[in-house]
N, C-alpha and C. Protein backbone atom coordinates (compact mmCIF):
# COMPACT_ATOMS: atom_id res chain seq x y z
N UNK A 1 -24.16 -9.24 -16.31
CA UNK A 1 -22.82 -8.89 -15.89
C UNK A 1 -22.19 -7.97 -16.94
N UNK A 2 -21.18 -7.27 -16.50
CA UNK A 2 -20.49 -6.33 -17.39
C UNK A 2 -19.42 -7.05 -18.21
N UNK A 3 -19.20 -6.60 -19.44
CA UNK A 3 -18.07 -7.13 -20.19
C UNK A 3 -16.76 -6.82 -19.47
N UNK A 4 -15.75 -7.63 -19.70
CA UNK A 4 -14.48 -7.52 -18.98
C UNK A 4 -13.82 -6.17 -19.20
N UNK A 5 -13.92 -5.61 -20.39
CA UNK A 5 -13.30 -4.30 -20.67
C UNK A 5 -13.98 -3.18 -19.90
N UNK A 6 -15.30 -3.23 -19.84
CA UNK A 6 -16.04 -2.20 -19.10
C UNK A 6 -15.76 -2.32 -17.62
N UNK A 7 -15.71 -3.55 -17.11
CA UNK A 7 -15.42 -3.76 -15.70
C UNK A 7 -14.00 -3.29 -15.35
N UNK A 8 -13.05 -3.52 -16.24
CA UNK A 8 -11.68 -3.07 -16.01
C UNK A 8 -11.59 -1.55 -16.00
N UNK A 9 -12.23 -0.90 -16.95
CA UNK A 9 -12.23 0.56 -16.99
C UNK A 9 -12.91 1.14 -15.77
N UNK A 10 -14.01 0.53 -15.34
CA UNK A 10 -14.70 0.97 -14.15
C UNK A 10 -13.81 0.81 -12.92
N UNK A 11 -13.10 -0.29 -12.84
CA UNK A 11 -12.19 -0.53 -11.71
C UNK A 11 -11.06 0.48 -11.65
N UNK A 12 -10.47 0.77 -12.79
CA UNK A 12 -9.38 1.77 -12.83
C UNK A 12 -9.91 3.14 -12.43
N UNK A 13 -11.05 3.52 -12.97
CA UNK A 13 -11.63 4.82 -12.65
C UNK A 13 -11.98 4.93 -11.17
N UNK A 14 -12.62 3.90 -10.63
CA UNK A 14 -12.97 3.92 -9.21
C UNK A 14 -11.73 3.98 -8.32
N UNK A 15 -10.69 3.24 -8.69
CA UNK A 15 -9.46 3.24 -7.90
C UNK A 15 -8.82 4.61 -7.90
N UNK A 16 -8.73 5.25 -9.04
CA UNK A 16 -8.11 6.58 -9.12
C UNK A 16 -8.93 7.62 -8.35
N UNK A 17 -10.24 7.54 -8.45
CA UNK A 17 -11.09 8.47 -7.71
C UNK A 17 -10.97 8.25 -6.21
N UNK A 18 -10.98 6.99 -5.77
CA UNK A 18 -10.88 6.70 -4.34
C UNK A 18 -9.53 7.12 -3.77
N UNK A 19 -8.46 6.89 -4.52
CA UNK A 19 -7.13 7.29 -4.05
C UNK A 19 -7.02 8.81 -3.98
N UNK A 20 -7.56 9.50 -4.98
CA UNK A 20 -7.54 10.96 -4.98
C UNK A 20 -8.33 11.52 -3.80
N UNK A 21 -9.51 10.96 -3.54
CA UNK A 21 -10.32 11.42 -2.43
C UNK A 21 -9.66 11.13 -1.08
N UNK A 22 -9.02 9.99 -0.96
CA UNK A 22 -8.35 9.69 0.31
C UNK A 22 -7.12 10.58 0.50
N UNK A 23 -6.42 10.93 -0.57
CA UNK A 23 -5.29 11.86 -0.47
C UNK A 23 -5.78 13.23 -0.01
N UNK A 24 -6.90 13.66 -0.59
CA UNK A 24 -7.49 14.94 -0.21
C UNK A 24 -7.92 14.92 1.25
N UNK A 25 -8.53 13.82 1.69
CA UNK A 25 -8.98 13.71 3.08
C UNK A 25 -7.80 13.66 4.04
N UNK A 26 -6.74 12.96 3.67
CA UNK A 26 -5.56 12.87 4.53
C UNK A 26 -4.79 14.18 4.62
N UNK A 27 -5.05 15.07 3.68
CA UNK A 27 -4.38 16.37 3.69
C UNK A 27 -4.84 17.21 4.88
N UNK A 28 -6.00 16.89 5.46
CA UNK A 28 -6.52 17.64 6.59
C UNK A 28 -5.84 17.24 7.91
N UNK A 29 -5.14 16.12 7.92
CA UNK A 29 -4.47 15.66 9.14
C UNK A 29 -3.20 16.48 9.35
N UNK A 30 -2.96 16.89 10.57
CA UNK A 30 -1.74 17.62 10.92
C UNK A 30 -0.64 16.60 11.19
N UNK A 31 0.09 16.24 10.14
CA UNK A 31 1.11 15.20 10.25
C UNK A 31 2.26 15.63 11.14
N UNK A 32 2.53 16.92 11.22
CA UNK A 32 3.66 17.37 12.04
C UNK A 32 3.40 17.14 13.53
N UNK A 33 2.12 17.04 13.91
CA UNK A 33 1.81 16.75 15.31
C UNK A 33 1.94 15.26 15.62
N UNK A 34 1.70 14.42 14.62
CA UNK A 34 1.78 12.98 14.81
C UNK A 34 3.22 12.51 14.67
N UNK A 35 3.87 12.95 13.62
CA UNK A 35 5.25 12.57 13.33
C UNK A 35 6.13 13.80 13.40
N UNK A 36 7.39 13.58 13.50
CA UNK A 36 8.32 14.72 13.53
C UNK A 36 8.82 15.02 12.13
N UNK A 37 7.88 15.30 11.25
CA UNK A 37 8.21 15.62 9.86
C UNK A 37 7.67 17.00 9.52
N UNK A 38 8.35 17.66 8.63
CA UNK A 38 7.81 18.88 8.06
C UNK A 38 6.72 18.47 7.07
N UNK A 39 5.58 19.16 7.03
CA UNK A 39 4.48 18.74 6.16
C UNK A 39 4.83 18.70 4.67
N UNK A 40 5.77 19.53 4.24
CA UNK A 40 6.15 19.57 2.82
C UNK A 40 7.39 18.75 2.51
N UNK A 41 7.93 18.06 3.51
CA UNK A 41 9.12 17.24 3.27
C UNK A 41 8.76 16.05 2.39
N UNK A 42 9.75 15.55 1.68
CA UNK A 42 9.52 14.44 0.75
C UNK A 42 9.00 13.20 1.48
N UNK A 43 9.52 12.94 2.67
CA UNK A 43 9.06 11.78 3.43
C UNK A 43 7.59 11.91 3.81
N UNK A 44 7.16 13.10 4.17
CA UNK A 44 5.76 13.32 4.54
C UNK A 44 4.84 13.15 3.34
N UNK A 45 5.27 13.64 2.20
CA UNK A 45 4.46 13.51 0.99
C UNK A 45 4.36 12.04 0.58
N UNK A 46 5.46 11.31 0.65
CA UNK A 46 5.42 9.89 0.30
C UNK A 46 4.56 9.10 1.28
N UNK A 47 4.66 9.44 2.56
CA UNK A 47 3.85 8.75 3.55
C UNK A 47 2.37 8.99 3.28
N UNK A 48 2.00 10.24 3.01
CA UNK A 48 0.60 10.57 2.70
C UNK A 48 0.15 9.84 1.44
N UNK A 49 1.01 9.77 0.44
CA UNK A 49 0.68 9.08 -0.81
C UNK A 49 0.47 7.58 -0.59
N UNK A 50 1.37 6.95 0.17
CA UNK A 50 1.25 5.51 0.41
C UNK A 50 0.04 5.17 1.27
N UNK A 51 -0.24 5.99 2.26
CA UNK A 51 -1.43 5.75 3.09
C UNK A 51 -2.69 5.96 2.27
N UNK A 52 -2.70 6.95 1.41
CA UNK A 52 -3.89 7.19 0.58
C UNK A 52 -4.08 6.07 -0.44
N UNK A 53 -3.00 5.49 -0.96
CA UNK A 53 -3.14 4.35 -1.87
C UNK A 53 -3.72 3.15 -1.14
N UNK A 54 -3.25 2.92 0.10
CA UNK A 54 -3.78 1.80 0.87
C UNK A 54 -5.26 2.00 1.19
N UNK A 55 -5.63 3.18 1.66
CA UNK A 55 -7.03 3.44 1.99
C UNK A 55 -7.91 3.49 0.75
N UNK A 56 -7.46 4.21 -0.26
CA UNK A 56 -8.24 4.32 -1.50
C UNK A 56 -8.39 3.01 -2.22
N UNK A 57 -7.34 2.19 -2.18
CA UNK A 57 -7.42 0.87 -2.80
C UNK A 57 -8.45 -0.01 -2.11
N UNK A 58 -8.49 0.05 -0.80
CA UNK A 58 -9.50 -0.72 -0.06
C UNK A 58 -10.91 -0.26 -0.36
N UNK A 59 -11.10 1.04 -0.44
CA UNK A 59 -12.42 1.57 -0.78
C UNK A 59 -12.81 1.18 -2.20
N UNK A 60 -11.86 1.24 -3.13
CA UNK A 60 -12.14 0.89 -4.52
C UNK A 60 -12.52 -0.58 -4.65
N UNK A 61 -11.82 -1.45 -3.94
CA UNK A 61 -12.15 -2.88 -3.99
C UNK A 61 -13.56 -3.10 -3.47
N UNK A 62 -13.90 -2.44 -2.37
CA UNK A 62 -15.26 -2.56 -1.84
C UNK A 62 -16.29 -2.09 -2.87
N UNK A 63 -16.05 -0.94 -3.51
CA UNK A 63 -17.01 -0.42 -4.49
C UNK A 63 -17.14 -1.32 -5.71
N UNK A 64 -16.03 -1.90 -6.15
CA UNK A 64 -16.08 -2.81 -7.30
C UNK A 64 -16.89 -4.06 -6.94
N UNK A 65 -16.64 -4.63 -5.76
CA UNK A 65 -17.43 -5.78 -5.33
C UNK A 65 -18.90 -5.42 -5.19
N UNK A 66 -19.19 -4.23 -4.67
CA UNK A 66 -20.57 -3.80 -4.51
C UNK A 66 -21.29 -3.73 -5.86
N UNK A 67 -20.60 -3.17 -6.86
CA UNK A 67 -21.19 -3.10 -8.20
C UNK A 67 -21.44 -4.50 -8.75
N UNK A 68 -20.48 -5.42 -8.56
CA UNK A 68 -20.66 -6.80 -9.02
C UNK A 68 -21.85 -7.45 -8.33
N UNK A 69 -21.97 -7.27 -7.02
CA UNK A 69 -23.08 -7.87 -6.28
C UNK A 69 -24.41 -7.28 -6.73
N UNK A 70 -24.44 -5.97 -6.93
CA UNK A 70 -25.67 -5.32 -7.35
C UNK A 70 -26.10 -5.80 -8.75
N UNK A 71 -25.14 -5.96 -9.63
CA UNK A 71 -25.46 -6.47 -10.97
C UNK A 71 -25.84 -7.95 -10.92
N UNK A 72 -25.26 -8.69 -9.99
CA UNK A 72 -25.60 -10.09 -9.84
C UNK A 72 -27.00 -10.32 -9.30
N UNK A 73 -27.56 -9.32 -8.61
CA UNK A 73 -28.92 -9.46 -8.11
C UNK A 73 -29.94 -9.57 -9.23
N UNK A 74 -29.63 -9.01 -10.39
CA UNK A 74 -30.56 -9.12 -11.51
C UNK A 74 -30.72 -10.58 -11.94
N UNK A 75 -29.69 -11.39 -11.72
CA UNK A 75 -29.78 -12.81 -12.07
C UNK A 75 -30.71 -13.57 -11.14
N UNK A 76 -30.93 -13.02 -9.97
CA UNK A 76 -31.84 -13.65 -9.01
C UNK A 76 -33.28 -13.63 -9.51
N UNK A 77 -33.61 -12.59 -10.25
CA UNK A 77 -34.99 -12.41 -10.70
C UNK A 77 -35.21 -12.84 -12.14
N UNK A 78 -34.16 -13.30 -12.83
CA UNK A 78 -34.33 -13.82 -14.19
C UNK A 78 -34.95 -15.21 -14.13
N UNK A 79 -35.87 -15.45 -15.04
CA UNK A 79 -36.52 -16.76 -15.06
C UNK A 79 -35.98 -17.59 -16.20
């Protein structure tokens, strides 16, 4: 298993990367067609930011658990 400091740094890094990627992906959506907002309005930017935090956070949690499970598999083969 990873030391707590390494796991924490990995979690922060994965969360920031996942949130950034989800913000970039959500930028392709035409929000003005879905909502009656101007794409550069403050409300639209905040909505995109909050949705990207929710999506990116979920992806980051999944990736962190996946790394833990993958590292835990090594304990299966230790004698």
